[in-house]
Amino acid sequence: MLANVADYRELARRRLSRIAFDYLEGGAEDGKTLARNLAAWDAPLFQSRVLRDVSSIDPSVRIFGQPQALPMIVGPTGLNGLYWPKAEEVLARAAHAAGLPFVLSTASTSLIEDVRAATTGDLWLQLYVQQDRRIAETTMRRAVDAGYSTLMLTVDTTVHGVRDHDVRNSFKLPLRPTPRLAWDVLTHPRWCWRMLRQGGSPQLVNLARSVGERADIKRQAATMSRQMDMSMDWNAIGWLRQHWPGRVMVKGILSLEDALLAARYGADGVVLSNHGGRQLEDAPSPLQLLPAVKDALGDRLTVLVDGGVRRGSDVIKAVGLGAAGVLLGRAPLYGLSATGPQGVAEVLRILRNEYEITLRLLGLRDSRQLGEEIFMPGYRERLARV
């Protein structure tokens, strides 16, 4: 096992092709939002207490009333087949072995049904809504039939953000042969072999099945490029309720006003998120918004946060600032890309170990004890200046 998540990132960088790693790691435009996400975790400083009995601790939490081992959820990420065959099944099994839920993306390279067949743990569905809403309705119906518990509507992708790395790499499905891509493949034989094992370029099978497209990457890519539903407004939550009997979260909230609207229109929770810094450049870090959102919402909604979680101490900070938990995006993918199933399990184990160590060093025995008193005074001002 490597020392930390950053070490898995470096191994993933070496083992993935350039085009795959840039897709995993890249942010929008100049990467300022991506950098801000990472920097925000350094702003709140801990204020520890000593000479407390921490011989026995309990890091578990309840989210939506359901017990889980830690305040972490393995969040939705798309095109994971770029990193490992049957990637979503691998991620879901690792999450559930660690006692955590797993969120499957609409843009997954594994089917809703296949991920359910791979594990009996708690599965959530992340939903994109295209102009033809029947696609989303079919996707929801399939997930309900497969026993998924929670719907996570992503609302910050009406259009794709400006991603310079994709332009430089000519990244577009299906991948088109170019001298640069050929060199990329030849210089990363391990990655090339994994792609060949799964039949070449990853397939958007999940979306394709909901549309009724056959297994043809060109047709699938055309499906994925169909315009998102730009007419969607807050009344969409009512529409979702007609098709989804479980919990509904709204992911992509970046303002206090929208968090309050989510509560008003009947969402069960929100995810403060800027899509990993991949959409709107010069957006705030979700962590920067968290204290004000919790002040305003109280316990009316379950609030999750994402964006650059790389340490167990980051998770502690998110919960201390009022989040029920965090979504993990890139961190498990670093492990997956580095060493496959073993790497995902090890990344989750590292985060758990760091979380428990930080809890003990703060003088706390239980995740429920986490609150603003764990921070040095002025933490809100420090966060605002990131």
Protein backbone atom coordinates (compact mmCIF):
# COMPACT_ATOMS: atom_id res chain seq x y z
CA MET A 1 0.00 0.00 0.00
CA LEU A 2 1.27 3.46 -0.88
CA ALA A 3 1.51 6.26 1.66
CA ASN A 4 -1.32 8.56 0.57
CA VAL A 5 -3.78 9.49 -2.18
CA ALA A 6 -1.19 11.74 -3.85
CA ASP A 7 1.09 8.74 -4.37
CA TYR A 8 -1.72 6.87 -6.13
CA ARG A 9 -2.30 9.94 -8.28
CA GLU A 10 1.34 9.92 -9.35
CA LEU A 11 1.25 6.20 -10.14
CA ALA A 12 -1.96 6.71 -12.10
CA ARG A 13 -0.30 9.55 -14.04
CA ARG A 14 2.53 7.24 -15.06
CA ARG A 15 0.34 4.28 -15.99
CA LEU A 16 -2.53 5.98 -17.80
CA SER A 17 -2.22 7.32 -21.29
CA ARG A 18 -1.95 11.09 -21.49
CA ILE A 19 -5.43 11.40 -22.97
CA ALA A 20 -6.98 9.32 -20.16
CA PHE A 21 -5.12 11.06 -17.33
CA ASP A 22 -5.92 14.52 -18.67
CA TYR A 23 -9.60 13.57 -18.83
CA LEU A 24 -9.45 12.38 -15.22
CA GLU A 25 -7.42 15.27 -13.82
CA GLY A 26 -8.25 18.29 -15.94
CA GLY A 27 -10.38 21.26 -14.95
CA ALA A 28 -12.09 24.02 -16.88
CA GLU A 29 -10.11 26.70 -18.71
CA ASP A 30 -6.97 27.66 -16.73
CA GLY A 31 -7.73 25.35 -13.80
CA LYS A 32 -8.28 28.15 -11.27
CA THR A 33 -11.46 26.62 -9.86
CA LEU A 34 -9.76 23.24 -9.59
CA ALA A 35 -6.87 24.83 -7.69
CA ARG A 36 -9.27 26.73 -5.43
CA ASN A 37 -11.01 23.49 -4.51
CA LEU A 38 -7.74 22.01 -3.29
CA ALA A 39 -6.60 25.19 -1.53
CA ALA A 40 -9.84 25.55 0.43
CA TRP A 41 -9.11 22.47 2.53
CA ASP A 42 -6.02 24.21 3.93
CA ALA A 43 -7.94 27.24 5.20
CA PRO A 44 -9.67 25.98 8.39
CA LEU A 45 -7.07 25.30 11.09
CA PHE A 46 -7.74 22.70 13.78
CA GLN A 47 -7.95 23.44 17.49
CA SER A 48 -7.28 20.15 19.24
CA ARG A 49 -8.04 19.10 22.80
CA VAL A 50 -5.77 16.78 24.77
CA LEU A 51 -5.87 14.43 27.75
CA ARG A 52 -9.12 12.90 26.61
CA ASP A 53 -9.89 9.20 26.47
CA VAL A 54 -9.78 8.23 22.79
CA SER A 55 -8.93 4.58 23.29
CA SER A 56 -12.17 3.66 21.55
CA ILE A 57 -13.72 5.71 18.74
CA ASP A 58 -16.72 5.45 16.44
CA PRO A 59 -16.26 7.07 13.00
CA SER A 60 -19.64 5.89 11.68
CA VAL A 61 -22.49 8.22 10.71
CA ARG A 62 -26.06 8.10 9.47
CA ILE A 63 -26.99 9.73 6.18
CA PHE A 64 -30.68 9.79 5.36
CA GLY A 65 -31.09 7.67 8.47
CA GLN A 66 -28.96 4.88 7.04
CA PRO A 67 -25.83 3.77 8.91
CA GLN A 68 -22.50 3.85 7.11
CA ALA A 69 -18.92 3.35 8.21
CA LEU A 70 -17.69 6.89 7.50
CA PRO A 71 -19.10 10.21 6.25
CA MET A 72 -17.94 9.45 2.71
CA ILE A 73 -19.72 8.35 -0.46
CA VAL A 74 -17.98 7.13 -3.60
CA GLY A 75 -19.42 9.69 -5.99
CA PRO A 76 -20.44 9.63 -9.66
CA THR A 77 -17.79 9.87 -12.35
CA GLY A 78 -18.21 9.22 -16.05
CA LEU A 79 -16.29 7.23 -18.67
CA ASN A 80 -14.53 5.17 -15.99
CA GLY A 81 -13.81 2.48 -18.54
CA LEU A 82 -10.92 4.71 -19.62
CA TYR A 83 -9.13 3.64 -16.44
CA TRP A 84 -10.02 -0.02 -15.84
CA PRO A 85 -12.33 -2.68 -17.33
CA LYS A 86 -15.70 -3.00 -15.56
CA ALA A 87 -14.71 0.05 -13.55
CA GLU A 88 -18.10 0.79 -12.00
CA GLU A 89 -18.48 -2.76 -10.71
CA VAL A 90 -15.01 -2.47 -9.16
CA LEU A 91 -15.79 0.89 -7.55
CA ALA A 92 -19.15 -0.26 -6.22
CA ARG A 93 -17.75 -3.43 -4.66
CA ALA A 94 -14.91 -1.50 -3.03
CA ALA A 95 -17.28 1.15 -1.68
CA HIS A 96 -19.60 -1.43 -0.21
CA ALA A 97 -16.73 -3.45 1.28
CA ALA A 98 -15.72 -0.22 3.05
CA GLY A 99 -19.27 0.33 4.30
CA LEU A 100 -20.04 3.24 1.94
CA PRO A 101 -22.71 3.92 -0.73
CA PHE A 102 -21.76 4.13 -4.40
CA VAL A 103 -23.24 6.59 -6.92
CA LEU A 104 -23.45 5.44 -10.55
CA SER A 105 -23.20 8.08 -13.28
CA THR A 106 -25.60 8.30 -16.22
CA ALA A 107 -22.39 8.40 -18.31
CA SER A 108 -21.12 5.12 -16.89
CA THR A 109 -19.46 2.45 -18.96
CA SER A 110 -21.30 -0.31 -17.07
CA LEU A 111 -25.01 -0.96 -17.03
CA ILE A 112 -27.24 -0.10 -14.09
CA GLU A 113 -28.24 -3.75 -13.96
CA ASP A 114 -24.68 -5.09 -14.09
CA VAL A 115 -23.54 -2.92 -11.20
CA ARG A 116 -26.49 -4.15 -9.14
CA ALA A 117 -25.60 -7.75 -10.01
CA ALA A 118 -22.04 -7.14 -8.79
CA THR A 119 -23.01 -6.12 -5.25
CA THR A 120 -25.86 -6.01 -2.76
CA GLY A 121 -24.83 -2.69 -1.17
CA ASP A 122 -26.52 0.72 -1.29
CA LEU A 123 -26.53 2.17 -4.82
CA TRP A 124 -27.48 5.70 -5.85
CA LEU A 125 -28.06 7.02 -9.38
CA GLN A 126 -26.69 10.30 -10.74
CA LEU A 127 -28.97 11.66 -13.46
CA TYR A 128 -28.37 13.92 -16.45
CA VAL A 129 -31.53 15.14 -18.16
CA GLN A 130 -31.37 15.55 -21.92
CA GLN A 131 -33.77 17.44 -24.13
CA ASP A 132 -35.78 14.28 -24.65
CA ARG A 133 -36.84 13.60 -21.08
CA ARG A 134 -37.99 10.11 -21.96
CA ILE A 135 -34.32 9.06 -21.83
CA ALA A 136 -34.09 10.13 -18.19
CA GLU A 137 -37.45 8.53 -17.42
CA THR A 138 -36.24 5.20 -18.81
CA THR A 139 -32.99 5.47 -16.86
CA MET A 140 -34.87 6.13 -13.63
CA ARG A 141 -37.25 3.23 -14.24
CA ARG A 142 -34.34 0.85 -14.76
CA ALA A 143 -32.66 2.05 -11.56
CA VAL A 144 -35.87 1.74 -9.54
CA ASP A 145 -36.31 -1.81 -10.84
CA ALA A 146 -32.71 -2.58 -9.81
CA GLY A 147 -33.24 -1.30 -6.27
CA TYR A 148 -31.24 1.95 -6.32
CA SER A 149 -32.17 4.03 -3.29
CA THR A 150 -31.32 7.66 -4.06
CA LEU A 151 -31.43 9.92 -7.11
CA MET A 152 -28.82 12.64 -7.55
CA LEU A 153 -29.91 15.17 -10.19
CA THR A 154 -26.90 17.04 -11.61
CA VAL A 155 -27.83 20.59 -12.57
CA ASP A 156 -24.55 22.30 -13.51
CA THR A 157 -24.06 20.81 -16.99
CA THR A 158 -26.54 22.57 -19.26
CA VAL A 159 -23.48 22.90 -21.52
CA HIS A 160 -20.00 21.44 -21.19
CA GLY A 161 -17.40 23.66 -19.57
CA VAL A 162 -14.44 24.88 -21.61
CA ARG A 163 -11.79 22.17 -21.19
CA ASP A 164 -8.58 23.09 -22.96
CA HIS A 165 -6.97 19.70 -22.31
CA ASP A 166 -9.70 17.94 -24.32
CA VAL A 167 -9.10 20.31 -27.24
CA ARG A 168 -5.34 19.74 -27.13
CA ASN A 169 -5.81 15.97 -27.01
CA SER A 170 -8.59 15.96 -29.62
CA PHE A 171 -10.61 14.08 -27.02
CA LYS A 172 -13.93 13.14 -28.55
CA LEU A 173 -15.77 9.86 -28.66
CA PRO A 174 -15.09 7.78 -30.56
CA LEU A 175 -11.36 8.39 -30.23
CA ARG A 176 -9.97 9.16 -33.66
CA PRO A 177 -6.55 7.87 -34.73
CA THR A 178 -3.91 10.59 -34.79
CA PRO A 179 -0.10 10.45 -34.62
CA ARG A 180 -0.29 11.90 -31.11
CA LEU A 181 -2.79 9.26 -29.95
CA ALA A 182 -0.74 6.49 -31.56
CA TRP A 183 2.37 7.62 -29.66
CA ASP A 184 0.33 7.90 -26.48
CA VAL A 185 -0.88 4.32 -26.86
CA LEU A 186 2.54 2.91 -27.76
CA THR A 187 4.21 4.54 -24.77
CA HIS A 188 1.58 3.21 -22.33
CA PRO A 189 1.35 -0.53 -23.17
CA ARG A 190 -0.22 -1.48 -19.82
CA TRP A 191 -3.12 0.90 -20.42
CA CYS A 192 -3.39 -0.15 -24.06
CA TRP A 193 -3.67 -3.82 -23.05
CA ARG A 194 -6.47 -3.04 -20.60
CA MET A 195 -8.39 -1.19 -23.31
CA LEU A 196 -7.96 -4.10 -25.69
CA ARG A 197 -9.24 -6.49 -23.02
CA GLN A 198 -12.54 -4.61 -22.91
CA GLY A 199 -12.81 -4.35 -26.69
CA GLY A 200 -11.21 -0.96 -27.30
CA SER A 201 -12.69 2.43 -26.54
CA PRO A 202 -15.07 2.39 -23.53
CA GLN A 203 -18.74 2.21 -24.40
CA LEU A 204 -21.49 4.44 -23.04
CA VAL A 205 -23.66 1.38 -22.64
CA ASN A 206 -25.85 2.72 -19.86
CA LEU A 207 -27.08 5.77 -21.74
CA ALA A 208 -27.32 3.79 -24.95
CA ARG A 209 -29.65 1.23 -23.39
CA SER A 210 -31.99 3.96 -22.13
CA VAL A 211 -32.12 5.45 -25.63
CA GLY A 212 -32.38 2.09 -27.35
CA GLU A 213 -29.15 2.48 -29.28
CA ARG A 214 -27.11 -0.53 -30.27
CA ALA A 215 -23.53 -1.19 -29.15
CA ASP A 216 -21.90 1.26 -31.52
CA ILE A 217 -19.59 3.88 -30.03
CA LYS A 218 -20.31 6.41 -32.79
CA ARG A 219 -24.04 6.23 -32.15
CA GLN A 220 -23.50 6.31 -28.39
CA ALA A 221 -21.30 9.40 -28.66
CA ALA A 222 -23.96 11.09 -30.76
CA THR A 223 -26.50 10.24 -28.05
CA MET A 224 -24.29 11.69 -25.31
CA SER A 225 -23.77 14.88 -27.31
CA ARG A 226 -27.49 15.54 -27.60
CA GLN A 227 -28.38 18.84 -26.05
CA MET A 228 -29.14 18.84 -22.35
CA ASP A 229 -32.55 20.08 -21.31
CA MET A 230 -31.85 23.80 -20.99
CA SER A 231 -35.49 24.50 -20.21
CA MET A 232 -35.32 22.60 -16.93
CA ASP A 233 -36.21 24.67 -13.86
CA TRP A 234 -37.03 23.99 -10.21
CA ASN A 235 -40.34 22.39 -11.20
CA ALA A 236 -38.23 19.48 -12.43
CA ILE A 237 -38.13 18.15 -8.87
CA GLY A 238 -41.89 17.60 -9.07
CA TRP A 239 -41.41 15.79 -12.38
CA LEU A 240 -38.74 13.59 -10.85
CA ARG A 241 -41.09 12.66 -7.99
CA GLN A 242 -43.48 11.21 -10.57
CA HIS A 243 -40.82 8.73 -11.65
CA TRP A 244 -38.65 8.22 -8.58
CA PRO A 245 -40.09 6.88 -5.30
CA GLY A 246 -36.88 7.28 -3.30
CA ARG A 247 -34.81 10.20 -2.07
CA VAL A 248 -33.94 13.08 -4.43
CA MET A 249 -30.79 15.18 -4.16
CA VAL A 250 -29.74 18.17 -6.27
CA LYS A 251 -26.04 18.20 -7.17
CA GLY A 252 -24.27 21.31 -8.42
CA ILE A 253 -25.47 23.93 -5.93
CA LEU A 254 -23.14 26.94 -5.76
CA SER A 255 -25.24 29.58 -4.02
CA LEU A 256 -27.17 29.98 -0.81
CA GLU A 257 -30.22 31.09 -2.79
CA ASP A 258 -30.31 27.85 -4.79
CA ALA A 259 -29.86 25.74 -1.66
CA LEU A 260 -32.94 27.44 -0.19
CA LEU A 261 -34.86 26.86 -3.42
CA ALA A 262 -33.97 23.16 -3.30
CA ALA A 263 -35.58 23.01 0.14
CA ARG A 264 -38.59 24.99 -1.01
CA TYR A 265 -39.24 22.71 -4.00
CA GLY A 266 -39.00 19.53 -1.96
CA ALA A 267 -35.53 18.06 -2.47
CA ASP A 268 -34.27 15.76 0.27
CA GLY A 269 -30.72 17.03 0.03
CA VAL A 270 -28.15 19.00 -1.93
CA VAL A 271 -24.57 18.51 -3.00
CA LEU A 272 -22.49 21.67 -2.90
CA SER A 273 -20.36 21.09 -5.97
CA ASN A 274 -18.63 22.84 -8.86
CA HIS A 275 -18.26 19.57 -10.77
CA GLY A 276 -14.70 19.08 -9.67
CA GLY A 277 -13.68 22.41 -11.20
CA ARG A 278 -14.60 21.10 -14.66
CA GLN A 279 -17.50 23.40 -15.54
CA LEU A 280 -17.59 27.09 -14.51
CA GLU A 281 -14.19 28.74 -14.16
CA ASP A 282 -13.77 31.26 -11.32
CA ALA A 283 -16.45 29.51 -9.26
CA PRO A 284 -16.12 29.29 -5.47
CA SER A 285 -15.03 26.13 -3.74
CA PRO A 286 -18.02 24.20 -2.38
CA LEU A 287 -16.34 24.22 1.02
CA GLN A 288 -16.44 28.03 1.03
CA LEU A 289 -20.24 27.95 0.75
CA LEU A 290 -20.82 25.26 3.35
CA PRO A 291 -20.98 27.33 6.58
CA ALA A 292 -23.52 29.82 5.21
CA VAL A 293 -25.66 27.08 3.67
CA LYS A 294 -25.79 25.15 6.95
CA ASP A 295 -26.58 28.33 8.89
CA ALA A 296 -29.57 28.94 6.62
CA LEU A 297 -30.84 25.39 6.17
CA GLY A 298 -30.17 23.87 9.56
CA ASP A 299 -31.43 20.29 9.40
CA ARG A 300 -34.03 20.90 6.69
CA LEU A 301 -31.89 19.18 4.04
CA THR A 302 -29.03 16.71 4.00
CA VAL A 303 -25.99 18.62 2.74
CA LEU A 304 -23.05 16.89 1.07
CA VAL A 305 -19.96 18.56 -0.34
CA ASP A 306 -17.30 17.56 -2.86
CA GLY A 307 -14.32 19.07 -4.63
CA GLY A 308 -10.76 17.95 -3.97
CA VAL A 309 -11.03 15.60 -0.99
CA ARG A 310 -7.59 14.01 -0.72
CA ARG A 311 -7.16 13.37 3.02
CA GLY A 312 -9.22 11.92 5.84
CA SER A 313 -8.66 15.23 7.61
CA ASP A 314 -10.50 16.92 4.71
CA VAL A 315 -13.52 14.79 5.53
CA ILE A 316 -13.25 15.83 9.19
CA LYS A 317 -13.26 19.49 8.13
CA ALA A 318 -16.32 19.07 5.92
CA VAL A 319 -18.30 17.42 8.72
CA GLY A 320 -17.06 19.99 11.23
CA LEU A 321 -18.35 22.75 8.95
CA GLY A 322 -21.77 21.13 8.80
CA ALA A 323 -21.82 18.60 5.96
CA ALA A 324 -23.36 15.18 6.49
CA GLY A 325 -20.51 13.80 4.41
CA VAL A 326 -18.41 14.17 1.27
CA LEU A 327 -18.47 12.76 -2.23
CA LEU A 328 -15.23 11.18 -3.38
CA GLY A 329 -14.56 11.71 -7.07
CA ARG A 330 -10.99 11.59 -8.31
CA ALA A 331 -9.41 9.94 -5.23
CA PRO A 332 -10.86 6.42 -5.81
CA LEU A 333 -10.12 6.79 -9.53
CA TYR A 334 -6.44 7.36 -8.77
CA GLY A 335 -6.40 4.01 -6.97
CA LEU A 336 -8.36 2.35 -9.77
CA SER A 337 -6.04 3.69 -12.46
CA ALA A 338 -2.91 2.78 -10.50
CA THR A 339 -3.57 -0.82 -9.46
CA GLY A 340 -7.22 -1.63 -10.13
CA PRO A 341 -9.49 -3.12 -7.44
CA GLN A 342 -6.63 -3.29 -4.96
CA GLY A 343 -5.88 0.39 -5.46
CA VAL A 344 -9.48 1.50 -4.83
CA ALA A 345 -9.65 -0.54 -1.63
CA GLU A 346 -6.31 0.88 -0.46
CA VAL A 347 -7.30 4.50 -1.13
CA LEU A 348 -10.47 4.04 0.90
CA ARG A 349 -8.47 2.37 3.67
CA ILE A 350 -5.99 5.27 3.74
CA LEU A 351 -8.80 7.82 3.99
CA ARG A 352 -10.40 5.86 6.83
CA ASN A 353 -7.10 5.59 8.69
CA GLU A 354 -6.41 9.32 8.31
CA TYR A 355 -9.95 10.13 9.43
CA GLU A 356 -9.63 8.03 12.59
CA ILE A 357 -6.19 9.42 13.43
CA THR A 358 -7.43 13.00 13.03
CA LEU A 359 -10.47 12.27 15.18
CA ARG A 360 -8.24 10.97 17.97
CA LEU A 361 -5.76 13.85 17.69
CA LEU A 362 -8.66 16.28 18.03
CA GLY A 363 -9.60 14.55 21.28
CA LEU A 364 -12.88 13.18 19.95
CA ARG A 365 -14.37 9.70 20.13
CA ASP A 366 -17.34 10.01 17.79
CA SER A 367 -18.12 11.60 14.42
CA ARG A 368 -21.21 13.16 16.00
CA GLN A 369 -18.95 15.35 18.13
CA LEU A 370 -17.58 17.18 15.11
CA GLY A 371 -18.57 20.85 15.00
CA GLU A 372 -17.16 24.34 14.63
CA GLU A 373 -15.36 24.07 17.97
CA ILE A 374 -12.70 21.92 16.29
CA PHE A 375 -11.47 25.00 14.37
CA MET A 376 -9.30 27.93 15.40
CA PRO A 377 -11.22 31.24 15.49
CA GLY A 378 -11.38 33.06 12.16
CA TYR A 379 -11.86 29.95 10.04
CA ARG A 380 -14.73 31.51 8.08
CA GLU A 381 -12.65 34.53 7.19
CA ARG A 382 -9.77 32.29 6.10
CA LEU A 383 -12.12 30.28 3.90
CA ALA A 384 -13.52 33.44 2.33
CA ARG A 385 -10.02 34.56 1.33
CA VAL A 386 -9.11 31.39 -0.57
